[in-house]
Amino acid sequence: MQLQFTIHIWKKGDWFLAKCPELDFISQGTTRDEAEKNLMEVMQIQFEEMSLMGTLDDYLKECGYDFDKDTGTATPQAKMIGSESFEMQVV
């Protein structure tokens, strides 16, 4: 199955955090690449386990994915189109 998703990377102190918002997975590492690699590994392990248990399709549907059986592609129904940082005064 071909799966489309987004990875967001943050730096928090000495750590890098990698998150896949569509699938609600998160991981960390001491470098950006390590955080991303760890996230991909966590996702692969989880997908293998869900597949063995027969729950992967239900999980992807719950996360808002459409599955095209003809192409074997799972696509999120909603896609991020941008990200910005803002500031505001809170009273």
N, C-alpha and C. Protein backbone atom coordinates (compact mmCIF):
# COMPACT_ATOMS: atom_id res chain seq x y z
N MET A 1 0.85 -1.18 0.00
CA MET A 1 0.00 0.00 0.00
C MET A 1 0.89 1.24 0.00
N GLN A 2 0.56 2.18 -0.84
CA GLN A 2 1.26 3.47 -0.89
C GLN A 2 0.49 4.44 0.01
N LEU A 3 1.18 5.08 0.96
CA LEU A 3 0.53 5.93 1.95
C LEU A 3 1.11 7.34 1.88
N GLN A 4 0.24 8.33 1.77
CA GLN A 4 0.66 9.73 1.73
C GLN A 4 0.46 10.34 3.11
N PHE A 5 1.49 11.09 3.59
CA PHE A 5 1.39 11.74 4.90
C PHE A 5 2.39 12.89 4.98
N THR A 6 2.26 13.66 6.05
CA THR A 6 3.10 14.82 6.30
C THR A 6 3.93 14.57 7.55
N ILE A 7 5.15 15.10 7.57
CA ILE A 7 5.97 15.06 8.78
C ILE A 7 6.30 16.49 9.17
N HIS A 8 6.02 16.85 10.42
CA HIS A 8 6.40 18.14 10.97
C HIS A 8 7.59 17.92 11.90
N ILE A 9 8.56 18.81 11.84
CA ILE A 9 9.76 18.72 12.69
C ILE A 9 9.84 19.95 13.57
N TRP A 10 10.05 19.75 14.87
CA TRP A 10 10.26 20.83 15.82
C TRP A 10 11.58 20.61 16.53
N LYS A 11 12.16 21.69 17.00
CA LYS A 11 13.34 21.60 17.86
C LYS A 11 12.90 22.06 19.25
N LYS A 12 13.12 21.22 20.24
CA LYS A 12 12.74 21.52 21.62
C LYS A 12 13.96 21.25 22.49
N GLY A 13 14.62 22.32 22.91
CA GLY A 13 15.86 22.17 23.66
C GLY A 13 16.90 21.51 22.80
N ASP A 14 17.47 20.41 23.29
CA ASP A 14 18.48 19.67 22.53
C ASP A 14 17.88 18.59 21.64
N TRP A 15 16.56 18.45 21.64
CA TRP A 15 15.90 17.37 20.92
C TRP A 15 15.15 17.86 19.69
N PHE A 16 15.03 16.99 18.72
CA PHE A 16 14.19 17.23 17.56
C PHE A 16 12.99 16.29 17.67
N LEU A 17 11.81 16.83 17.42
CA LEU A 17 10.57 16.05 17.47
C LEU A 17 10.03 15.94 16.05
N ALA A 18 9.64 14.75 15.66
CA ALA A 18 9.03 14.52 14.35
C ALA A 18 7.62 13.99 14.59
N LYS A 19 6.64 14.60 13.92
CA LYS A 19 5.25 14.21 14.12
C LYS A 19 4.56 14.05 12.78
N CYS A 20 3.74 13.01 12.69
CA CYS A 20 2.87 12.81 11.54
C CYS A 20 1.45 13.14 12.02
N PRO A 21 0.95 14.35 11.73
CA PRO A 21 -0.35 14.76 12.28
C PRO A 21 -1.53 13.94 11.76
N GLU A 22 -1.48 13.51 10.50
CA GLU A 22 -2.62 12.76 9.96
C GLU A 22 -2.82 11.44 10.69
N LEU A 23 -1.72 10.84 11.14
CA LEU A 23 -1.79 9.50 11.74
C LEU A 23 -1.53 9.50 13.24
N ASP A 24 -1.24 10.68 13.78
CA ASP A 24 -1.03 10.86 15.22
C ASP A 24 0.13 10.01 15.76
N PHE A 25 1.25 10.04 15.04
CA PHE A 25 2.48 9.40 15.51
C PHE A 25 3.50 10.49 15.80
N ILE A 26 4.35 10.28 16.80
CA ILE A 26 5.40 11.23 17.14
C ILE A 26 6.62 10.47 17.62
N SER A 27 7.81 11.03 17.34
CA SER A 27 9.06 10.44 17.78
C SER A 27 10.05 11.56 18.02
N GLN A 28 11.23 11.20 18.50
CA GLN A 28 12.26 12.21 18.77
C GLN A 28 13.63 11.67 18.40
N GLY A 29 14.59 12.57 18.35
CA GLY A 29 15.97 12.19 18.09
C GLY A 29 16.89 13.34 18.42
N THR A 30 18.18 13.07 18.45
CA THR A 30 19.15 14.13 18.76
C THR A 30 19.48 14.97 17.55
N THR A 31 19.07 14.52 16.35
CA THR A 31 19.21 15.30 15.12
C THR A 31 17.87 15.25 14.37
N ARG A 32 17.71 16.13 13.43
CA ARG A 32 16.49 16.14 12.61
C ARG A 32 16.34 14.81 11.87
N ASP A 33 17.43 14.35 11.27
CA ASP A 33 17.38 13.09 10.52
C ASP A 33 17.05 11.91 11.42
N GLU A 34 17.62 11.89 12.62
CA GLU A 34 17.35 10.79 13.55
C GLU A 34 15.88 10.80 13.98
N ALA A 35 15.33 11.97 14.24
CA ALA A 35 13.93 12.07 14.63
C ALA A 35 13.02 11.56 13.52
N GLU A 36 13.33 11.96 12.29
CA GLU A 36 12.53 11.51 11.14
C GLU A 36 12.68 10.00 10.95
N LYS A 37 13.90 9.49 11.04
CA LYS A 37 14.14 8.05 10.90
C LYS A 37 13.40 7.26 11.98
N ASN A 38 13.45 7.75 13.21
CA ASN A 38 12.75 7.09 14.31
C ASN A 38 11.25 7.08 14.10
N LEU A 39 10.71 8.18 13.59
CA LEU A 39 9.28 8.25 13.31
C LEU A 39 8.89 7.23 12.25
N MET A 40 9.65 7.16 11.18
CA MET A 40 9.35 6.21 10.11
C MET A 40 9.41 4.77 10.64
N GLU A 41 10.37 4.50 11.51
CA GLU A 41 10.49 3.16 12.09
C GLU A 41 9.29 2.83 12.98
N VAL A 42 8.88 3.78 13.81
CA VAL A 42 7.71 3.57 14.68
C VAL A 42 6.46 3.32 13.83
N MET A 43 6.29 4.12 12.80
CA MET A 43 5.12 3.96 11.93
C MET A 43 5.14 2.59 11.25
N GLN A 44 6.29 2.18 10.73
CA GLN A 44 6.39 0.89 10.05
C GLN A 44 6.04 -0.26 10.99
N ILE A 45 6.58 -0.21 12.20
CA ILE A 45 6.28 -1.26 13.19
C ILE A 45 4.80 -1.28 13.52
N GLN A 46 4.21 -0.12 13.75
CA GLN A 46 2.78 -0.05 14.08
C GLN A 46 1.92 -0.57 12.94
N PHE A 47 2.26 -0.19 11.70
CA PHE A 47 1.47 -0.63 10.55
C PHE A 47 1.58 -2.14 10.36
N GLU A 48 2.76 -2.69 10.59
CA GLU A 48 2.92 -4.14 10.49
C GLU A 48 2.05 -4.85 11.53
N GLU A 49 2.06 -4.33 12.77
CA GLU A 49 1.25 -4.93 13.83
C GLU A 49 -0.24 -4.82 13.52
N MET A 50 -0.67 -3.63 13.07
CA MET A 50 -2.09 -3.45 12.75
C MET A 50 -2.51 -4.34 11.59
N SER A 51 -1.62 -4.49 10.62
CA SER A 51 -1.91 -5.35 9.48
C SER A 51 -2.09 -6.80 9.92
N LEU A 52 -1.19 -7.28 10.80
CA LEU A 52 -1.30 -8.64 11.32
C LEU A 52 -2.58 -8.85 12.12
N MET A 53 -3.01 -7.80 12.82
CA MET A 53 -4.23 -7.89 13.64
C MET A 53 -5.50 -7.65 12.81
N GLY A 54 -5.32 -7.20 11.56
CA GLY A 54 -6.47 -6.93 10.70
C GLY A 54 -7.16 -5.61 10.99
N THR A 55 -6.45 -4.67 11.63
CA THR A 55 -7.07 -3.39 12.01
C THR A 55 -6.53 -2.19 11.22
N LEU A 56 -5.59 -2.42 10.30
CA LEU A 56 -4.95 -1.29 9.60
C LEU A 56 -5.96 -0.48 8.78
N ASP A 57 -6.81 -1.14 8.01
CA ASP A 57 -7.79 -0.41 7.19
C ASP A 57 -8.72 0.44 8.06
N ASP A 58 -9.17 -0.13 9.18
CA ASP A 58 -10.05 0.62 10.09
C ASP A 58 -9.32 1.82 10.67
N TYR A 59 -8.03 1.63 11.05
CA TYR A 59 -7.25 2.74 11.61
C TYR A 59 -7.10 3.87 10.59
N LEU A 60 -6.76 3.52 9.36
CA LEU A 60 -6.59 4.54 8.33
C LEU A 60 -7.91 5.27 8.06
N LYS A 61 -9.00 4.55 8.05
CA LYS A 61 -10.31 5.17 7.85
C LYS A 61 -10.62 6.12 9.01
N GLU A 62 -10.33 5.68 10.24
CA GLU A 62 -10.54 6.52 11.42
C GLU A 62 -9.70 7.80 11.36
N CYS A 63 -8.52 7.70 10.75
CA CYS A 63 -7.62 8.86 10.63
C CYS A 63 -7.98 9.74 9.43
N GLY A 64 -9.05 9.38 8.71
CA GLY A 64 -9.51 10.22 7.61
C GLY A 64 -8.88 9.92 6.26
N TYR A 65 -8.50 8.69 6.03
CA TYR A 65 -7.90 8.30 4.75
C TYR A 65 -8.91 7.64 3.84
N ASP A 66 -8.77 7.92 2.55
CA ASP A 66 -9.51 7.21 1.51
C ASP A 66 -8.55 6.20 0.89
N PHE A 67 -9.02 5.00 0.60
CA PHE A 67 -8.18 3.97 0.01
C PHE A 67 -8.68 3.63 -1.38
N ASP A 68 -7.80 3.77 -2.36
CA ASP A 68 -8.11 3.43 -3.75
C ASP A 68 -7.54 2.04 -4.02
N LYS A 69 -8.41 1.03 -4.09
CA LYS A 69 -7.96 -0.35 -4.28
C LYS A 69 -7.33 -0.56 -5.65
N ASP A 70 -7.74 0.23 -6.64
CA ASP A 70 -7.17 0.09 -7.99
C ASP A 70 -5.69 0.47 -8.03
N THR A 71 -5.34 1.54 -7.31
CA THR A 71 -3.95 2.00 -7.32
C THR A 71 -3.18 1.56 -6.08
N GLY A 72 -3.90 1.08 -5.05
CA GLY A 72 -3.25 0.67 -3.81
C GLY A 72 -2.73 1.86 -3.01
N THR A 73 -3.39 3.02 -3.15
CA THR A 73 -2.95 4.25 -2.50
C THR A 73 -3.94 4.71 -1.44
N ALA A 74 -3.41 5.03 -0.25
CA ALA A 74 -4.23 5.62 0.82
C ALA A 74 -3.90 7.11 0.87
N THR A 75 -4.91 7.95 0.71
CA THR A 75 -4.73 9.39 0.64
C THR A 75 -5.56 10.06 1.73
N PRO A 76 -4.95 11.02 2.47
CA PRO A 76 -5.73 11.72 3.50
C PRO A 76 -6.81 12.59 2.85
N GLN A 77 -7.99 12.63 3.47
CA GLN A 77 -9.08 13.45 2.95
C GLN A 77 -8.77 14.93 3.10
N ALA A 78 -8.01 15.29 4.13
CA ALA A 78 -7.62 16.69 4.34
C ALA A 78 -6.10 16.79 4.19
N LYS A 79 -5.65 17.84 3.53
CA LYS A 79 -4.21 18.04 3.35
C LYS A 79 -3.82 19.42 3.87
N MET A 80 -2.68 19.47 4.55
CA MET A 80 -2.17 20.74 5.02
C MET A 80 -1.70 21.55 3.81
N ILE A 81 -2.07 22.82 3.79
CA ILE A 81 -1.67 23.66 2.66
C ILE A 81 -0.73 24.78 3.08
N GLY A 82 -0.46 24.89 4.37
CA GLY A 82 0.48 25.92 4.82
C GLY A 82 0.62 25.93 6.32
N SER A 83 1.64 26.63 6.76
CA SER A 83 1.89 26.75 8.19
C SER A 83 2.57 28.08 8.44
N GLU A 84 2.16 28.79 9.46
CA GLU A 84 2.73 30.08 9.80
C GLU A 84 2.86 30.20 11.30
N SER A 85 3.81 31.02 11.74
CA SER A 85 3.95 31.32 13.16
C SER A 85 3.33 32.69 13.43
N PHE A 86 2.61 32.80 14.53
CA PHE A 86 1.95 34.04 14.88
C PHE A 86 2.29 34.40 16.33
N GLU A 87 2.09 35.68 16.66
CA GLU A 87 2.18 36.15 18.03
C GLU A 87 0.93 36.96 18.32
N MET A 88 0.51 36.92 19.59
CA MET A 88 -0.62 37.77 19.99
C MET A 88 -0.46 38.12 21.46
N GLN A 89 -0.98 39.24 21.83
CA GLN A 89 -0.97 39.68 23.21
C GLN A 89 -2.13 39.03 23.94
N VAL A 90 -1.85 38.35 25.05
CA VAL A 90 -2.90 37.72 25.84
C VAL A 90 -3.02 38.51 27.15
N VAL A 91 -4.22 38.93 27.45
CA VAL A 91 -4.45 39.72 28.67
C VAL A 91 -5.08 38.91 29.76
